[in-house]
Amino acid sequence: RYEKHSTIITTNMPFSNWAEVFGSATLANAILDRLLHHSHVISIKGTSYRLKSKVEYFNSSSNAS
């Protein structure tokens, strides 16, 4: 696949925590080194768009009581 096809990986964990997941900082660094070579990293911060309608629903329900 190298330089021939795209690979998409999503996670809600920052790169700094990957050593915990893989149990080794060396292993996590090796994986990240290979994944991030020629990559585009998109970090999205803020409140969840999916939860917006639920928060509005619960706020309107509590105001109606």
PDB file of N, CA and C in Angstrom:
ATOM      1  N   ARG A   1       0.808  -1.197   0.000  1.00  0.00           N
ATOM      2  CA  ARG A   1       0.000   0.000   0.000  1.00  0.00           C
ATOM      3  C   ARG A   1       0.849   1.258   0.000  1.00  0.00           C
ATOM      4  N   TYR A   2       2.101   1.162   0.340  1.00  0.00           N
ATOM      5  CA  TYR A   2       2.938   2.343   0.528  1.00  0.00           C
ATOM      6  C   TYR A   2       2.944   3.216  -0.716  1.00  0.00           C
ATOM      7  N   GLU A   3       2.481   4.442  -0.539  1.00  0.00           N
ATOM      8  CA  GLU A   3       2.407   5.459  -1.588  1.00  0.00           C
ATOM      9  C   GLU A   3       1.544   5.056  -2.777  1.00  0.00           C
ATOM     10  N   LYS A   4       0.656   4.097  -2.604  1.00  0.00           N
ATOM     11  CA  LYS A   4      -0.233   3.678  -3.690  1.00  0.00           C
ATOM     12  C   LYS A   4      -1.705   3.866  -3.338  1.00  0.00           C
ATOM     13  N   HIS A   5      -2.059   3.661  -2.091  1.00  0.00           N
ATOM     14  CA  HIS A   5      -3.453   3.770  -1.667  1.00  0.00           C
ATOM     15  C   HIS A   5      -3.537   4.562  -0.368  1.00  0.00           C
ATOM     16  N   SER A   6      -4.723   5.053  -0.089  1.00  0.00           N
ATOM     17  CA  SER A   6      -4.948   5.838   1.126  1.00  0.00           C
ATOM     18  C   SER A   6      -5.345   4.940   2.286  1.00  0.00           C
ATOM     19  N   THR A   7      -4.995   5.371   3.465  1.00  0.00           N
ATOM     20  CA  THR A   7      -5.407   4.703   4.691  1.00  0.00           C
ATOM     21  C   THR A   7      -5.941   5.773   5.631  1.00  0.00           C
ATOM     22  N   ILE A   8      -7.118   5.536   6.189  1.00  0.00           N
ATOM     23  CA  ILE A   8      -7.711   6.478   7.138  1.00  0.00           C
ATOM     24  C   ILE A   8      -7.760   5.806   8.502  1.00  0.00           C
ATOM     25  N   ILE A   9      -7.249   6.491   9.488  1.00  0.00           N
ATOM     26  CA  ILE A   9      -7.280   6.005  10.863  1.00  0.00           C
ATOM     27  C   ILE A   9      -7.906   7.102  11.710  1.00  0.00           C
ATOM     28  N   THR A  10      -8.881   6.736  12.516  1.00  0.00           N
ATOM     29  CA  THR A  10      -9.504   7.714  13.410  1.00  0.00           C
ATOM     30  C   THR A  10      -9.325   7.262  14.852  1.00  0.00           C
ATOM     31  N   THR A  11      -9.202   8.218  15.733  1.00  0.00           N
ATOM     32  CA  THR A  11      -9.082   7.926  17.154  1.00  0.00           C
ATOM     33  C   THR A  11      -9.483   9.158  17.950  1.00  0.00           C
ATOM     34  N   ASN A  12      -9.910   8.929  19.159  1.00  0.00           N
ATOM     35  CA  ASN A  12     -10.191  10.056  20.044  1.00  0.00           C
ATOM     36  C   ASN A  12      -9.090  10.193  21.094  1.00  0.00           C
ATOM     37  N   MET A  13      -7.992   9.463  20.892  1.00  0.00           N
ATOM     38  CA  MET A  13      -6.873   9.499  21.824  1.00  0.00           C
ATOM     39  C   MET A  13      -5.706  10.279  21.219  1.00  0.00           C
ATOM     40  N   PRO A  14      -5.143  11.221  21.967  1.00  0.00           N
ATOM     41  CA  PRO A  14      -3.996  11.972  21.436  1.00  0.00           C
ATOM     42  C   PRO A  14      -2.776  11.065  21.276  1.00  0.00           C
ATOM     43  N   PHE A  15      -1.888  11.450  20.369  1.00  0.00           N
ATOM     44  CA  PHE A  15      -0.689  10.654  20.111  1.00  0.00           C
ATOM     45  C   PHE A  15       0.133  10.448  21.379  1.00  0.00           C
ATOM     46  N   SER A  16       0.103  11.413  22.273  1.00  0.00           N
ATOM     47  CA  SER A  16       0.898  11.315  23.501  1.00  0.00           C
ATOM     48  C   SER A  16       0.460  10.157  24.396  1.00  0.00           C
ATOM     49  N   ASN A  17      -0.751   9.637  24.203  1.00  0.00           N
ATOM     50  CA  ASN A  17      -1.254   8.523  25.022  1.00  0.00           C
ATOM     51  C   ASN A  17      -1.086   7.161  24.357  1.00  0.00           C
ATOM     52  N   TRP A  18      -0.552   7.109  23.159  1.00  0.00           N
ATOM     53  CA  TRP A  18      -0.451   5.834  22.449  1.00  0.00           C
ATOM     54  C   TRP A  18       0.493   4.859  23.134  1.00  0.00           C
ATOM     55  N   ALA A  19       1.481   5.338  23.862  1.00  0.00           N
ATOM     56  CA  ALA A  19       2.400   4.442  24.575  1.00  0.00           C
ATOM     57  C   ALA A  19       1.644   3.610  25.607  1.00  0.00           C
ATOM     58  N   GLU A  20       0.635   4.193  26.244  1.00  0.00           N
ATOM     59  CA  GLU A  20      -0.197   3.455  27.200  1.00  0.00           C
ATOM     60  C   GLU A  20      -0.947   2.325  26.504  1.00  0.00           C
ATOM     61  N   VAL A  21      -1.481   2.603  25.337  1.00  0.00           N
ATOM     62  CA  VAL A  21      -2.280   1.615  24.611  1.00  0.00           C
ATOM     63  C   VAL A  21      -1.420   0.438  24.165  1.00  0.00           C
ATOM     64  N   PHE A  22      -0.247   0.733  23.612  1.00  0.00           N
ATOM     65  CA  PHE A  22       0.612  -0.318  23.081  1.00  0.00           C
ATOM     66  C   PHE A  22       1.552  -0.893  24.135  1.00  0.00           C
ATOM     67  N   GLY A  23       1.591  -0.286  25.311  1.00  0.00           N
ATOM     68  CA  GLY A  23       2.406  -0.807  26.395  1.00  0.00           C
ATOM     69  C   GLY A  23       3.890  -0.522  26.273  1.00  0.00           C
ATOM     70  N   SER A  24       4.276   0.250  25.287  1.00  0.00           N
ATOM     71  CA  SER A  24       5.689   0.547  25.076  1.00  0.00           C
ATOM     72  C   SER A  24       5.813   1.842  24.290  1.00  0.00           C
ATOM     73  N   ALA A  25       6.610   2.753  24.810  1.00  0.00           N
ATOM     74  CA  ALA A  25       6.832   4.010  24.095  1.00  0.00           C
ATOM     75  C   ALA A  25       7.588   3.767  22.797  1.00  0.00           C
ATOM     76  N   THR A  26       8.496   2.805  22.804  1.00  0.00           N
ATOM     77  CA  THR A  26       9.267   2.487  21.597  1.00  0.00           C
ATOM     78  C   THR A  26       8.358   1.965  20.497  1.00  0.00           C
ATOM     79  N   LEU A  27       7.456   1.061  20.856  1.00  0.00           N
ATOM     80  CA  LEU A  27       6.517   0.511  19.876  1.00  0.00           C
ATOM     81  C   LEU A  27       5.577   1.596  19.359  1.00  0.00           C
ATOM     82  N   ALA A  28       5.046   2.416  20.256  1.00  0.00           N
ATOM     83  CA  ALA A  28       4.143   3.497  19.846  1.00  0.00           C
ATOM     84  C   ALA A  28       4.856   4.474  18.918  1.00  0.00           C
ATOM     85  N   ASN A  29       6.088   4.820  19.232  1.00  0.00           N
ATOM     86  CA  ASN A  29       6.849   5.732  18.373  1.00  0.00           C
ATOM     87  C   ASN A  29       7.115   5.130  16.999  1.00  0.00           C
ATOM     88  N   ALA A  30       7.410   3.844  16.943  1.00  0.00           N
ATOM     89  CA  ALA A  30       7.649   3.187  15.655  1.00  0.00           C
ATOM     90  C   ALA A  30       6.383   3.178  14.805  1.00  0.00           C
ATOM     91  N   ILE A  31       5.246   2.881  15.432  1.00  0.00           N
ATOM     92  CA  ILE A  31       3.970   2.870  14.706  1.00  0.00           C
ATOM     93  C   ILE A  31       3.635   4.273  14.213  1.00  0.00           C
ATOM     94  N   LEU A  32       3.750   5.262  15.092  1.00  0.00           N
ATOM     95  CA  LEU A  32       3.438   6.637  14.704  1.00  0.00           C
ATOM     96  C   LEU A  32       4.381   7.148  13.625  1.00  0.00           C
ATOM     97  N   ASP A  33       5.644   6.765  13.701  1.00  0.00           N
ATOM     98  CA  ASP A  33       6.610   7.180  12.689  1.00  0.00           C
ATOM     99  C   ASP A  33       6.177   6.696  11.310  1.00  0.00           C
ATOM    100  N   ARG A  34       5.707   5.470  11.219  1.00  0.00           N
ATOM    101  CA  ARG A  34       5.276   4.915   9.936  1.00  0.00           C
ATOM    102  C   ARG A  34       3.930   5.483   9.484  1.00  0.00           C
ATOM    103  N   LEU A  35       3.024   5.694  10.436  1.00  0.00           N
ATOM    104  CA  LEU A  35       1.701   6.218  10.082  1.00  0.00           C
ATOM    105  C   LEU A  35       1.750   7.688   9.669  1.00  0.00           C
ATOM    106  N   LEU A  36       2.574   8.470  10.336  1.00  0.00           N
ATOM    107  CA  LEU A  36       2.558   9.914  10.116  1.00  0.00           C
ATOM    108  C   LEU A  36       3.445  10.372   8.966  1.00  0.00           C
ATOM    109  N   HIS A  37       4.243   9.481   8.424  1.00  0.00           N
ATOM    110  CA  HIS A  37       5.079   9.811   7.270  1.00  0.00           C
ATOM    111  C   HIS A  37       4.166  10.089   6.075  1.00  0.00           C
ATOM    112  N   HIS A  38       4.256  11.246   5.478  1.00  0.00           N
ATOM    113  CA  HIS A  38       3.404  11.675   4.354  1.00  0.00           C
ATOM    114  C   HIS A  38       1.923  11.753   4.737  1.00  0.00           C
ATOM    115  N   SER A  39       1.606  12.072   5.976  1.00  0.00           N
ATOM    116  CA  SER A  39       0.196  12.076   6.379  1.00  0.00           C
ATOM    117  C   SER A  39      -0.336  13.493   6.565  1.00  0.00           C
ATOM    118  N   HIS A  40      -1.646  13.580   6.658  1.00  0.00           N
ATOM    119  CA  HIS A  40      -2.355  14.807   7.010  1.00  0.00           C
ATOM    120  C   HIS A  40      -3.094  14.507   8.305  1.00  0.00           C
ATOM    121  N   VAL A  41      -2.774  15.237   9.350  1.00  0.00           N
ATOM    122  CA  VAL A  41      -3.422  15.043  10.641  1.00  0.00           C
ATOM    123  C   VAL A  41      -4.432  16.159  10.827  1.00  0.00           C
ATOM    124  N   ILE A  42      -5.672  15.784  11.094  1.00  0.00           N
ATOM    125  CA  ILE A  42      -6.747  16.752  11.312  1.00  0.00           C
ATOM    126  C   ILE A  42      -7.218  16.594  12.752  1.00  0.00           C
ATOM    127  N   SER A  43      -7.020  17.623  13.555  1.00  0.00           N
ATOM    128  CA  SER A  43      -7.473  17.608  14.944  1.00  0.00           C
ATOM    129  C   SER A  43      -8.718  18.469  15.056  1.00  0.00           C
ATOM    130  N   ILE A  44      -9.767  17.886  15.568  1.00  0.00           N
ATOM    131  CA  ILE A  44     -11.032  18.597  15.738  1.00  0.00           C
ATOM    132  C   ILE A  44     -11.263  18.768  17.232  1.00  0.00           C
ATOM    133  N   LYS A  45     -11.438  20.002  17.648  1.00  0.00           N
ATOM    134  CA  LYS A  45     -11.669  20.281  19.063  1.00  0.00           C
ATOM    135  C   LYS A  45     -12.995  21.009  19.206  1.00  0.00           C
ATOM    136  N   GLY A  46     -13.612  20.844  20.344  1.00  0.00           N
ATOM    137  CA  GLY A  46     -14.874  21.518  20.600  1.00  0.00           C
ATOM    138  C   GLY A  46     -15.919  20.528  21.062  1.00  0.00           C
ATOM    139  N   THR A  47     -17.114  21.016  21.196  1.00  0.00           N
ATOM    140  CA  THR A  47     -18.193  20.154  21.658  1.00  0.00           C
ATOM    141  C   THR A  47     -18.685  19.263  20.527  1.00  0.00           C
ATOM    142  N   SER A  48     -19.253  18.148  20.889  1.00  0.00           N
ATOM    143  CA  SER A  48     -19.737  17.176  19.921  1.00  0.00           C
ATOM    144  C   SER A  48     -20.980  17.704  19.207  1.00  0.00           C
ATOM    145  N   TYR A  49     -20.952  17.658  17.888  1.00  0.00           N
ATOM    146  CA  TYR A  49     -22.110  18.089  17.107  1.00  0.00           C
ATOM    147  C   TYR A  49     -23.283  17.138  17.326  1.00  0.00           C
ATOM    148  N   ARG A  50     -22.996  15.849  17.498  1.00  0.00           N
ATOM    149  CA  ARG A  50     -24.058  14.860  17.692  1.00  0.00           C
ATOM    150  C   ARG A  50     -24.784  15.060  19.010  1.00  0.00           C
ATOM    151  N   LEU A  51     -24.082  15.566  20.015  1.00  0.00           N
ATOM    152  CA  LEU A  51     -24.717  15.763  21.314  1.00  0.00           C
ATOM    153  C   LEU A  51     -25.506  17.062  21.404  1.00  0.00           C
ATOM    154  N   LYS A  52     -25.328  17.949  20.438  1.00  0.00           N
ATOM    155  CA  LYS A  52     -25.974  19.259  20.475  1.00  0.00           C
ATOM    156  C   LYS A  52     -27.493  19.140  20.598  1.00  0.00           C
ATOM    157  N   SER A  53     -28.119  18.313  19.780  1.00  0.00           N
ATOM    158  CA  SER A  53     -29.579  18.185  19.825  1.00  0.00           C
ATOM    159  C   SER A  53     -30.040  17.555  21.133  1.00  0.00           C
ATOM    160  N   LYS A  54     -29.260  16.652  21.692  1.00  0.00           N
ATOM    161  CA  LYS A  54     -29.624  16.019  22.959  1.00  0.00           C
ATOM    162  C   LYS A  54     -29.561  17.033  24.104  1.00  0.00           C
ATOM    163  N   VAL A  55     -28.538  17.864  24.109  1.00  0.00           N
ATOM    164  CA  VAL A  55     -28.408  18.889  25.145  1.00  0.00           C
ATOM    165  C   VAL A  55     -29.572  19.864  25.046  1.00  0.00           C
ATOM    166  N   GLU A  56     -29.911  20.280  23.829  1.00  0.00           N
ATOM    167  CA  GLU A  56     -31.044  21.187  23.634  1.00  0.00           C
ATOM    168  C   GLU A  56     -32.344  20.537  24.100  1.00  0.00           C
ATOM    169  N   TYR A  57     -32.514  19.237  23.826  1.00  0.00           N
ATOM    170  CA  TYR A  57     -33.724  18.521  24.236  1.00  0.00           C
ATOM    171  C   TYR A  57     -33.827  18.489  25.760  1.00  0.00           C
ATOM    172  N   PHE A  58     -32.737  18.116  26.434  1.00  0.00           N
ATOM    173  CA  PHE A  58     -32.773  18.027  27.887  1.00  0.00           C
ATOM    174  C   PHE A  58     -32.936  19.398  28.532  1.00  0.00           C
ATOM    175  N   ASN A  59     -32.348  20.424  27.949  1.00  0.00           N
ATOM    176  CA  ASN A  59     -32.524  21.775  28.481  1.00  0.00           C
ATOM    177  C   ASN A  59     -33.968  22.230  28.337  1.00  0.00           C
ATOM    178  N   SER A  60     -34.600  21.935  27.199  1.00  0.00           N
ATOM    179  CA  SER A  60     -35.998  22.337  27.008  1.00  0.00           C
ATOM    180  C   SER A  60     -36.927  21.504  27.883  1.00  0.00           C
ATOM    181  N   SER A  61     -36.591  20.237  28.124  1.00  0.00           N
ATOM    182  CA  SER A  61     -37.409  19.383  28.986  1.00  0.00           C
ATOM    183  C   SER A  61     -37.351  19.849  30.431  1.00  0.00           C
ATOM    184  N   SER A  62     -36.180  20.250  30.893  1.00  0.00           N
ATOM    185  CA  SER A  62     -36.053  20.692  32.281  1.00  0.00           C
ATOM    186  C   SER A  62     -36.714  22.053  32.487  1.00  0.00           C
ATOM    187  N   ASN A  63     -36.747  22.887  31.454  1.00  0.00           N
ATOM    188  CA  ASN A  63     -37.413  24.187  31.558  1.00  0.00           C
ATOM    189  C   ASN A  63     -38.924  24.038  31.545  1.00  0.00           C
ATOM    190  N   ALA A  64     -39.436  22.994  30.902  1.00  0.00           N
ATOM    191  CA  ALA A  64     -40.877  22.787  30.804  1.00  0.00           C
ATOM    192  C   ALA A  64     -41.454  22.243  32.104  1.00  0.00           C
ATOM    193  N   SER A  65     -40.637  21.615  32.941  1.00  0.00           N
ATOM    194  CA  SER A  65     -41.122  20.997  34.182  1.00  0.00           C
ATOM    195  C   SER A  65     -41.455  22.002  35.230  1.00  0.00           C
TER     196      SER A  65
END
